[in-house]
Amino acid sequence: MSGTVLVGTQWGDEGKGKVTDLLANDYDYVVRFQGGNNAGHTVIYGDTKLALHLIPSGIMYDSVTPMIGNGCVIDPKVLCGEMRELEEKGISTDKLLISCNAHLIMPYHRVLDGASEARLGANKIGTTKRGIGPCYQDKFARYGIRVQDLLDAKILRQKIEAALAVKNDILREVYDMPTYTVDEIWHEYLEYAENIRDHVVDGSQLLNAEMRAGKTVLFEGAQATQLDIDHGTYPFVTSSNCTAGGAMTGAGVGPTRIDKVLGVAKAYMTRVGSGPFPTELFDSYGETLGEAGHEFGVTTGRRRRCGWYDAVIIRYAADINGLTDIALTKLDVLGAVDTIKICTAYEADGVVYENVPSQQTAFHHAKPIYEEMPSWQCDISNCRKFEELPQEARDYIERLEELAGVPISIVTVGPDREQTIMRGWK
């Protein structure tokens, strides 16, 4: 195995951080390939719970080299703070690598993100207001500022001047907000440059050379399939490609480097922010899942919307990502309810859909068609083998596997690394 892509199959928050942490030590590199600090991975390190937003989960392992790929957008203030926090906890960041071609989130990106969201009113997207969308907009408008620009003070100043010639007009004329000076941003970002200078590399060139030499890479995605800019529930999506194809462009490697695509799926569904959610629960079951699963966003602290498992969404994710395996997380949470429902199809305006409707309106109107299974109503957090699970839990896993058409090779039954059942993952 040389390359494995790990992606979310739902709307994010599936537990990708734990799965990455679980597998990372088997790889030479862990590469984050898209997104910014709008994502959060919770990782248990000894007795410490770590919330990582930019740095890949493999940072805890001495044998792993973590890399932030070119497809990411980086807020250097957040990155430097995260590096400092890890160092204070005794976790070295010396091996962290940062692609020279990743784009930088600037102060005006954060301000414009919040102002734009406020302007949308009832039609707001649910952005984290971290500046991710505006940064990606500048990237594709071809006047973004990249990590490599930090290493040349003259170029950095010229690019800030060019950007502010546009951004200050927007801040002043459209939003009636304060503007920025070149000096205040330039001096601030030169300080960040000194902190990350030694970590900057040509990520694509390095990874291809290492993979040719037999090194293994785990490509770590943020967000999830239904938040992908092309394949998600547009416009209620993020601004990057968080499906498996994004690993190639976001790290600079070709598809022939990839052997496995592991999709992470929660045993029920959650979503943060606005947008359609066919299986969302507004009753006591939704409350129970939220409380038992501690469903609050790592980055924002927002309470997550909860719902039953949606097999239609997972089938879609299996196709879009080319999944070879599924890691099913938080199975233990379903022990808190007395019955479990699985959405196997939708009904919208009299039409039954076994796949995700191609029309946005149909998806917004979709009503889930459920089948029901009994819960096990007991604690399964100490199970370490599939055979140790109650029959109801085994039946549930096998039914989800059948509906997805993809083997469920990993099952987690708690937040700790050892609370995992390895079921065929190699």
Protein backbone atom coordinates (compact mmCIF):
# COMPACT_ATOMS: atom_id res chain seq x y z
CA MET A 1 0.00 0.00 0.00
CA SER A 2 1.44 3.38 -0.96
CA GLY A 3 -1.42 5.86 -0.76
CA THR A 4 -4.71 5.87 1.17
CA VAL A 5 -7.27 8.66 0.99
CA LEU A 6 -9.47 9.21 4.04
CA VAL A 7 -12.68 11.20 3.49
CA GLY A 8 -15.93 12.01 5.24
CA THR A 9 -19.04 10.51 3.68
CA GLN A 10 -21.72 12.70 5.25
CA TRP A 11 -21.68 16.39 6.34
CA GLY A 12 -18.49 16.23 8.38
CA ASP A 13 -17.94 15.50 12.07
CA GLU A 14 -17.90 11.76 11.36
CA GLY A 15 -14.88 11.11 13.57
CA LYS A 16 -12.18 11.38 10.89
CA GLY A 17 -9.69 12.64 13.48
CA LYS A 18 -9.90 9.48 15.53
CA VAL A 19 -9.66 7.23 12.47
CA THR A 20 -6.67 9.18 11.13
CA ASP A 21 -5.01 8.97 14.53
CA LEU A 22 -5.74 5.24 14.64
CA LEU A 23 -4.10 4.58 11.27
CA ALA A 24 -1.42 7.30 11.11
CA ASN A 25 1.36 5.30 12.72
CA ASP A 26 1.22 2.81 9.82
CA TYR A 27 2.21 5.54 7.33
CA ASP A 28 5.30 7.62 6.70
CA TYR A 29 3.35 10.81 5.87
CA VAL A 30 -0.06 12.18 6.81
CA VAL A 31 -1.10 14.95 4.41
CA ARG A 32 -4.03 17.31 4.88
CA PHE A 33 -5.15 18.14 1.34
CA GLN A 34 -7.94 20.77 1.57
CA GLY A 35 -9.84 23.16 3.80
CA GLY A 36 -8.65 25.44 6.53
CA ASN A 37 -9.30 26.08 10.18
CA ASN A 38 -13.02 25.79 9.54
CA ALA A 39 -12.49 22.10 10.26
CA GLY A 40 -11.67 20.45 13.55
CA HIS A 41 -10.36 17.02 14.47
CA THR A 42 -10.56 15.79 18.05
CA VAL A 43 -7.75 13.41 18.98
CA ILE A 44 -7.13 11.73 22.33
CA TYR A 45 -3.42 11.88 23.25
CA GLY A 46 -2.77 10.01 26.49
CA ASP A 47 -5.02 11.72 29.01
CA THR A 48 -5.28 14.85 26.86
CA LYS A 49 -7.97 15.72 24.35
CA LEU A 50 -6.50 17.71 21.44
CA ALA A 51 -8.55 19.82 19.05
CA LEU A 52 -6.56 20.15 15.82
CA HIS A 53 -7.76 22.59 13.16
CA LEU A 54 -4.93 22.81 10.62
CA ILE A 55 -2.17 20.42 11.64
CA PRO A 56 -2.67 16.79 10.49
CA SER A 57 -3.51 14.23 13.17
CA GLY A 58 -0.26 12.31 12.62
CA ILE A 59 1.68 15.05 14.47
CA MET A 60 1.63 12.92 17.64
CA TYR A 61 3.80 10.17 16.16
CA ASP A 62 7.58 10.44 15.96
CA SER A 63 7.65 8.12 12.93
CA VAL A 64 5.15 10.22 10.92
CA THR A 65 5.83 13.35 8.90
CA PRO A 66 2.73 15.58 8.79
CA MET A 67 2.18 17.93 5.87
CA ILE A 68 -0.30 20.70 5.08
CA GLY A 69 -0.86 20.40 1.34
CA ASN A 70 -1.22 23.01 -1.39
CA GLY A 71 -5.01 22.56 -1.48
CA CYS A 72 -5.37 24.00 2.01
CA VAL A 73 -5.87 27.62 3.02
CA ILE A 74 -3.84 28.64 6.06
CA ASP A 75 -4.49 31.31 8.63
CA PRO A 76 -0.89 31.78 9.86
CA LYS A 77 -2.06 33.25 13.16
CA VAL A 78 -4.07 30.10 13.88
CA LEU A 79 -1.28 27.83 12.64
CA CYS A 80 1.37 29.45 14.82
CA GLY A 81 -0.96 29.31 17.81
CA GLU A 82 -1.67 25.63 17.22
CA MET A 83 2.04 24.86 16.89
CA ARG A 84 2.74 26.72 20.13
CA GLU A 85 -0.02 24.85 21.96
CA LEU A 86 1.29 21.47 20.83
CA GLU A 87 4.83 22.35 21.88
CA GLU A 88 3.53 23.38 25.32
CA LYS A 89 1.93 19.93 25.63
CA GLY A 90 5.26 18.29 24.83
CA ILE A 91 4.40 17.42 21.20
CA SER A 92 7.14 18.50 18.81
CA THR A 93 6.18 20.29 15.60
CA ASP A 94 9.70 20.12 14.14
CA LYS A 95 8.65 17.61 11.48
CA LEU A 96 5.65 19.59 10.27
CA LEU A 97 5.86 20.46 6.57
CA ILE A 98 3.85 23.15 4.77
CA SER A 99 3.40 23.30 1.01
CA CYS A 100 4.78 26.49 -0.47
CA ASN A 101 1.72 26.70 -2.73
CA ALA A 102 -0.96 26.70 -0.03
CA HIS A 103 -2.85 30.00 0.11
CA LEU A 104 -2.93 32.35 3.09
CA ILE A 105 -6.01 33.62 4.85
CA MET A 106 -5.60 37.35 5.39
CA PRO A 107 -7.34 39.60 7.94
CA TYR A 108 -9.69 41.03 5.30
CA HIS A 109 -10.82 37.51 4.39
CA ARG A 110 -12.15 36.93 7.90
CA VAL A 111 -13.94 40.29 7.99
CA LEU A 112 -15.47 39.85 4.55
CA ASP A 113 -16.61 36.32 5.43
CA GLY A 114 -18.61 37.56 8.40
CA ALA A 115 -19.96 40.61 6.57
CA SER A 116 -21.09 38.56 3.57
CA GLU A 117 -22.82 36.00 5.79
CA ALA A 118 -24.64 38.74 7.70
CA ARG A 119 -25.76 40.32 4.43
CA LEU A 120 -27.37 37.05 3.31
CA GLY A 121 -29.75 37.13 6.27
CA ALA A 122 -32.23 34.24 6.13
CA ASN A 123 -30.32 32.77 3.17
CA LYS A 124 -27.05 32.45 5.08
CA ILE A 125 -24.87 29.45 4.28
CA GLY A 126 -23.73 28.72 7.83
CA THR A 127 -20.07 29.57 7.29
CA THR A 128 -17.70 29.46 10.26
CA LYS A 129 -16.63 33.05 9.39
CA ARG A 130 -12.96 32.02 9.43
CA GLY A 131 -12.25 33.56 6.01
CA ILE A 132 -12.04 30.27 4.14
CA GLY A 133 -14.50 31.12 1.33
CA PRO A 134 -13.06 34.56 0.55
CA CYS A 135 -9.54 33.10 0.52
CA TYR A 136 -10.51 30.44 -2.00
CA GLN A 137 -12.27 33.13 -4.05
CA ASP A 138 -9.02 35.09 -4.26
CA LYS A 139 -7.14 31.92 -5.18
CA PHE A 140 -9.36 31.35 -8.20
CA ALA A 141 -9.44 35.04 -9.06
CA ARG A 142 -5.64 34.73 -9.26
CA TYR A 143 -4.68 37.39 -6.78
CA GLY A 144 -4.33 35.22 -3.71
CA ILE A 145 -1.26 35.28 -1.48
CA ARG A 146 0.60 32.01 -0.97
CA VAL A 147 2.85 30.60 1.72
CA GLN A 148 5.90 31.03 -0.50
CA ASP A 149 5.19 34.79 -0.64
CA LEU A 150 5.96 35.01 3.08
CA LEU A 151 9.56 34.13 2.29
CA ASP A 152 10.12 37.22 0.14
CA ALA A 153 9.31 40.45 1.99
CA LYS A 154 9.27 42.55 -1.19
CA ILE A 155 6.90 40.24 -3.06
CA LEU A 156 4.69 39.94 0.02
CA ARG A 157 4.33 43.71 0.26
CA GLN A 158 3.52 44.04 -3.45
CA LYS A 159 0.82 41.38 -3.22
CA ILE A 160 -0.74 42.93 -0.13
CA GLU A 161 -0.81 46.31 -1.91
CA ALA A 162 -2.54 44.75 -4.93
CA ALA A 163 -5.09 42.94 -2.78
CA LEU A 164 -5.93 45.97 -0.64
CA ALA A 165 -6.52 48.09 -3.72
CA VAL A 166 -9.58 45.88 -4.25
CA LYS A 167 -10.49 44.79 -0.71
CA ASN A 168 -10.46 48.24 0.87
CA ASP A 169 -12.92 49.51 -1.74
CA ILE A 170 -15.27 46.62 -0.96
CA LEU A 171 -14.96 47.10 2.79
CA ARG A 172 -15.60 50.83 2.54
CA GLU A 173 -18.16 51.09 -0.26
CA VAL A 174 -20.15 47.87 0.12
CA TYR A 175 -20.02 47.15 3.84
CA ASP A 176 -19.19 50.57 5.33
CA MET A 177 -16.42 48.96 7.38
CA PRO A 178 -12.90 50.05 8.40
CA THR A 179 -10.10 49.46 5.89
CA TYR A 180 -6.54 48.16 6.28
CA THR A 181 -3.13 49.65 5.67
CA VAL A 182 -0.39 47.76 3.87
CA ASP A 183 2.03 48.24 6.75
CA GLU A 184 -0.15 46.72 9.46
CA ILE A 185 -0.70 43.48 7.53
CA TRP A 186 2.84 43.32 6.14
CA HIS A 187 4.53 43.61 9.53
CA GLU A 188 2.17 41.10 11.13
CA TYR A 189 2.71 38.51 8.40
CA LEU A 190 6.49 38.94 8.38
CA GLU A 191 6.44 37.78 12.01
CA TYR A 192 4.52 34.65 11.02
CA ALA A 193 7.06 34.06 8.26
CA GLU A 194 9.86 33.70 10.80
CA ASN A 195 7.89 31.03 12.68
CA ILE A 196 7.09 28.83 9.69
CA ARG A 197 10.00 29.51 7.31
CA ASP A 198 11.85 26.28 8.15
CA HIS A 199 8.72 24.18 7.55
CA VAL A 200 8.01 25.31 3.97
CA VAL A 201 8.64 22.81 1.16
CA ASP A 202 7.56 21.99 -2.38
CA GLY A 203 4.98 19.46 -1.19
CA SER A 204 4.17 17.84 -4.52
CA GLN A 205 7.78 17.33 -5.51
CA LEU A 206 8.68 15.87 -2.12
CA LEU A 207 5.68 13.50 -1.94
CA ASN A 208 6.19 12.10 -5.43
CA ALA A 209 9.86 11.45 -4.76
CA GLU A 210 9.07 9.77 -1.44
CA MET A 211 6.30 7.60 -2.90
CA ARG A 212 8.62 6.50 -5.73
CA ALA A 213 11.03 5.44 -3.00
CA GLY A 214 8.34 3.28 -1.37
CA LYS A 215 7.12 5.64 1.35
CA THR A 216 3.46 5.45 2.34
CA VAL A 217 1.04 8.37 2.61
CA LEU A 218 -2.31 8.85 4.30
CA PHE A 219 -4.19 11.74 2.66
CA GLU A 220 -6.43 13.29 5.29
CA GLY A 221 -9.57 15.12 4.19
CA ALA A 222 -11.55 17.70 6.13
CA GLN A 223 -15.32 18.32 5.99
CA ALA A 224 -17.08 15.67 3.88
CA THR A 225 -18.70 14.57 0.63
CA GLN A 226 -21.95 16.51 1.12
CA LEU A 227 -19.91 19.68 1.75
CA ASP A 228 -17.82 19.34 -1.42
CA ILE A 229 -18.02 22.45 -3.62
CA ASP A 230 -18.89 20.36 -6.70
CA HIS A 231 -20.67 17.31 -5.26
CA GLY A 232 -22.29 18.53 -2.05
CA THR A 233 -25.59 20.20 -1.19
CA TYR A 234 -24.72 23.41 -3.03
CA PRO A 235 -24.75 26.26 -2.03
CA PHE A 236 -24.64 24.97 1.56
CA VAL A 237 -21.12 23.62 1.10
CA THR A 238 -17.52 24.51 1.81
CA SER A 239 -15.21 26.11 -0.77
CA SER A 240 -12.95 23.17 -1.59
CA ASN A 241 -13.04 19.63 -2.98
CA CYS A 242 -13.21 17.41 0.08
CA THR A 243 -13.96 14.27 -1.90
CA ALA A 244 -11.23 11.80 -2.85
CA GLY A 245 -10.35 13.56 -6.09
CA GLY A 246 -9.32 16.59 -4.04
CA ALA A 247 -6.45 14.57 -2.59
CA MET A 248 -4.74 14.47 -5.96
CA THR A 249 -4.99 18.18 -6.73
CA GLY A 250 -4.66 19.22 -3.07
CA ALA A 251 -1.41 17.32 -2.56
CA GLY A 252 -0.04 17.22 -6.09
CA VAL A 253 0.05 13.48 -6.74
CA GLY A 254 -1.52 11.40 -9.51
CA PRO A 255 -4.41 8.93 -9.11
CA THR A 256 -2.15 5.94 -9.73
CA ARG A 257 -0.55 6.66 -6.35
CA ILE A 258 -3.79 5.74 -4.53
CA ASP A 259 -4.55 2.17 -3.45
CA LYS A 260 -7.41 2.63 -0.97
CA VAL A 261 -10.16 5.15 -0.28
CA LEU A 262 -11.54 4.91 3.23
CA GLY A 263 -14.84 6.66 3.88
CA VAL A 264 -15.69 7.58 7.46
CA ALA A 265 -19.39 7.35 8.32
CA LYS A 266 -21.09 8.03 11.64
CA ALA A 267 -23.61 5.37 12.73
CA TYR A 268 -26.23 8.12 12.60
CA MET A 269 -26.14 11.53 10.89
CA THR A 270 -25.25 15.05 11.99
CA ARG A 271 -24.92 18.40 10.29
CA VAL A 272 -23.72 21.84 11.38
CA GLY A 273 -25.00 24.97 9.67
CA SER A 274 -27.72 25.52 7.10
CA GLY A 275 -28.88 23.29 4.28
CA PRO A 276 -31.09 20.25 3.60
CA PHE A 277 -30.96 17.26 5.95
CA PRO A 278 -33.64 14.67 5.04
CA THR A 279 -33.31 12.48 8.16
CA GLU A 280 -33.05 15.32 10.70
CA LEU A 281 -34.84 14.59 13.97
CA PHE A 282 -36.78 17.20 15.93
CA ASP A 283 -37.98 14.84 18.67
CA SER A 284 -36.60 13.12 21.76
CA TYR A 285 -34.54 10.75 19.61
CA GLY A 286 -32.65 13.70 18.15
CA GLU A 287 -32.07 15.09 21.64
CA THR A 288 -30.85 11.71 22.89
CA LEU A 289 -28.40 11.23 20.02
CA GLY A 290 -27.06 14.77 20.51
CA GLU A 291 -26.52 14.30 24.23
CA ALA A 292 -25.15 10.74 24.09
CA GLY A 293 -22.87 11.61 21.16
CA HIS A 294 -21.69 14.97 22.59
CA GLU A 295 -22.59 16.58 19.31
CA PHE A 296 -20.99 19.99 19.47
CA GLY A 297 -18.64 21.39 16.80
CA VAL A 298 -14.90 21.21 17.53
CA THR A 299 -14.20 24.53 15.80
CA THR A 300 -17.35 26.54 16.53
CA GLY A 301 -18.93 24.86 19.55
CA ARG A 302 -22.26 24.92 17.68
CA ARG A 303 -24.75 22.18 18.50
CA ARG A 304 -25.03 19.73 15.62
CA ARG A 305 -28.31 18.81 14.03
CA CYS A 306 -28.92 15.06 14.50
CA GLY A 307 -30.74 12.47 12.42
CA TRP A 308 -30.96 8.82 11.49
CA TYR A 309 -28.42 7.12 9.24
CA ASP A 310 -29.00 7.93 5.56
CA ALA A 311 -27.99 5.04 3.30
CA VAL A 312 -28.81 7.08 0.18
CA ILE A 313 -26.13 9.61 1.11
CA ILE A 314 -23.60 6.84 1.77
CA ARG A 315 -24.27 5.14 -1.57
CA TYR A 316 -23.69 8.49 -3.23
CA ALA A 317 -20.43 8.96 -1.31
CA ALA A 318 -19.31 5.46 -2.29
CA ASP A 319 -19.67 6.36 -5.97
CA ILE A 320 -18.24 9.88 -5.86
CA ASN A 321 -15.19 8.83 -3.85
CA GLY A 322 -14.70 5.31 -5.19
CA LEU A 323 -14.74 3.95 -1.64
CA THR A 324 -12.94 0.68 -1.03
CA ASP A 325 -13.75 0.58 2.71
CA ILE A 326 -15.89 2.28 5.36
CA ALA A 327 -15.00 3.13 8.94
CA LEU A 328 -18.24 3.25 10.98
CA THR A 329 -17.92 5.51 14.03
CA LYS A 330 -19.91 6.16 17.21
CA LEU A 331 -21.79 2.87 17.04
CA ASP A 332 -21.93 2.93 20.85
CA VAL A 333 -24.18 6.02 20.83
CA LEU A 334 -27.08 4.07 19.32
CA GLY A 335 -27.24 1.97 22.48
CA ALA A 336 -28.96 4.97 24.09
CA VAL A 337 -32.14 4.58 22.02
CA ASP A 338 -34.72 1.78 21.96
CA THR A 339 -35.11 1.53 18.20
CA ILE A 340 -33.05 2.55 15.16
CA LYS A 341 -34.19 3.75 11.75
CA ILE A 342 -32.27 3.62 8.47
CA CYS A 343 -33.22 5.80 5.51
CA THR A 344 -33.10 3.57 2.41
CA ALA A 345 -34.77 5.92 -0.11
CA TYR A 346 -36.53 9.29 -0.43
CA GLU A 347 -39.97 10.39 -1.51
CA ALA A 348 -40.34 13.85 -3.04
CA ASP A 349 -43.45 15.17 -4.79
CA GLY A 350 -44.75 11.64 -5.34
CA VAL A 351 -41.49 10.29 -6.78
CA VAL A 352 -39.34 7.69 -4.99
CA TYR A 353 -35.58 8.22 -5.21
CA GLU A 354 -33.11 5.47 -4.35
CA ASN A 355 -30.25 7.80 -5.23
CA VAL A 356 -29.60 11.45 -4.35
CA PRO A 357 -31.92 13.56 -6.57
CA SER A 358 -30.07 15.54 -9.20
CA GLN A 359 -32.40 18.53 -8.74
CA GLN A 360 -31.82 20.72 -5.70
CA THR A 361 -35.55 21.29 -5.20
CA ALA A 362 -36.29 17.56 -4.97
CA PHE A 363 -33.54 17.07 -2.41
CA HIS A 364 -34.85 19.96 -0.31
CA HIS A 365 -38.33 18.39 -0.36
CA ALA A 366 -37.12 14.81 0.20
CA LYS A 367 -38.83 12.78 2.90
CA PRO A 368 -37.00 9.70 4.15
CA ILE A 369 -38.33 6.20 3.60
CA TYR A 370 -37.27 4.20 6.63
CA GLU A 371 -36.75 0.65 7.70
CA GLU A 372 -36.56 -0.02 11.42
CA MET A 373 -34.27 -2.24 13.46
CA PRO A 374 -34.08 -2.94 17.20
CA SER A 375 -31.31 -1.34 19.26
CA TRP A 376 -29.11 -3.29 21.66
CA GLN A 377 -29.74 -0.86 24.55
CA CYS A 378 -26.53 -1.72 26.34
CA ASP A 379 -22.93 -0.51 26.65
CA ILE A 380 -20.71 -1.88 23.88
CA SER A 381 -17.66 0.31 24.58
CA ASN A 382 -15.61 -2.64 25.84
CA CYS A 383 -16.15 -4.79 22.74
CA ARG A 384 -12.97 -5.33 20.72
CA LYS A 385 -14.12 -8.03 18.30
CA PHE A 386 -17.10 -8.13 15.99
CA GLU A 387 -18.24 -11.36 17.64
CA GLU A 388 -18.39 -9.64 21.03
CA LEU A 389 -21.05 -7.19 19.85
CA PRO A 390 -24.73 -7.90 20.61
CA GLN A 391 -26.57 -9.57 17.73
CA GLU A 392 -28.58 -6.39 17.11
CA ALA A 393 -25.38 -4.38 16.62
CA ARG A 394 -23.94 -6.98 14.27
CA ASP A 395 -27.16 -7.04 12.27
CA TYR A 396 -27.09 -3.24 12.00
CA ILE A 397 -23.49 -3.20 10.71
CA GLU A 398 -24.21 -5.92 8.17
CA ARG A 399 -27.32 -4.13 6.93
CA LEU A 400 -25.42 -0.85 6.47
CA GLU A 401 -22.69 -2.74 4.65
CA GLU A 402 -25.28 -4.31 2.33
CA LEU A 403 -26.92 -0.95 1.59
CA ALA A 404 -23.57 0.74 0.85
CA GLY A 405 -22.11 -2.05 -1.26
CA VAL A 406 -18.80 -1.38 0.51
CA PRO A 407 -17.22 -3.38 3.35
CA ILE A 408 -17.26 -1.83 6.82
CA SER A 409 -13.69 -2.62 7.82
CA ILE A 410 -13.38 -0.49 10.97
CA VAL A 411 -15.95 0.09 13.74
CA THR A 412 -15.45 2.45 16.66
CA VAL A 413 -17.32 2.01 19.95
CA GLY A 414 -15.92 4.96 21.91
CA PRO A 415 -13.62 7.98 21.63
CA ASP A 416 -10.39 6.31 22.78
CA ARG A 417 -8.01 4.75 20.27
CA GLU A 418 -8.39 1.25 21.75
CA GLN A 419 -12.20 1.43 21.54
CA THR A 420 -12.07 0.11 18.00
CA ILE A 421 -12.96 -3.10 16.20
CA MET A 422 -10.73 -3.86 13.23
CA ARG A 423 -12.89 -5.86 10.85
CA GLY A 424 -10.87 -6.67 7.77
CA TRP A 425 -8.82 -3.46 7.38
CA LYS A 426 -5.38 -4.21 5.98
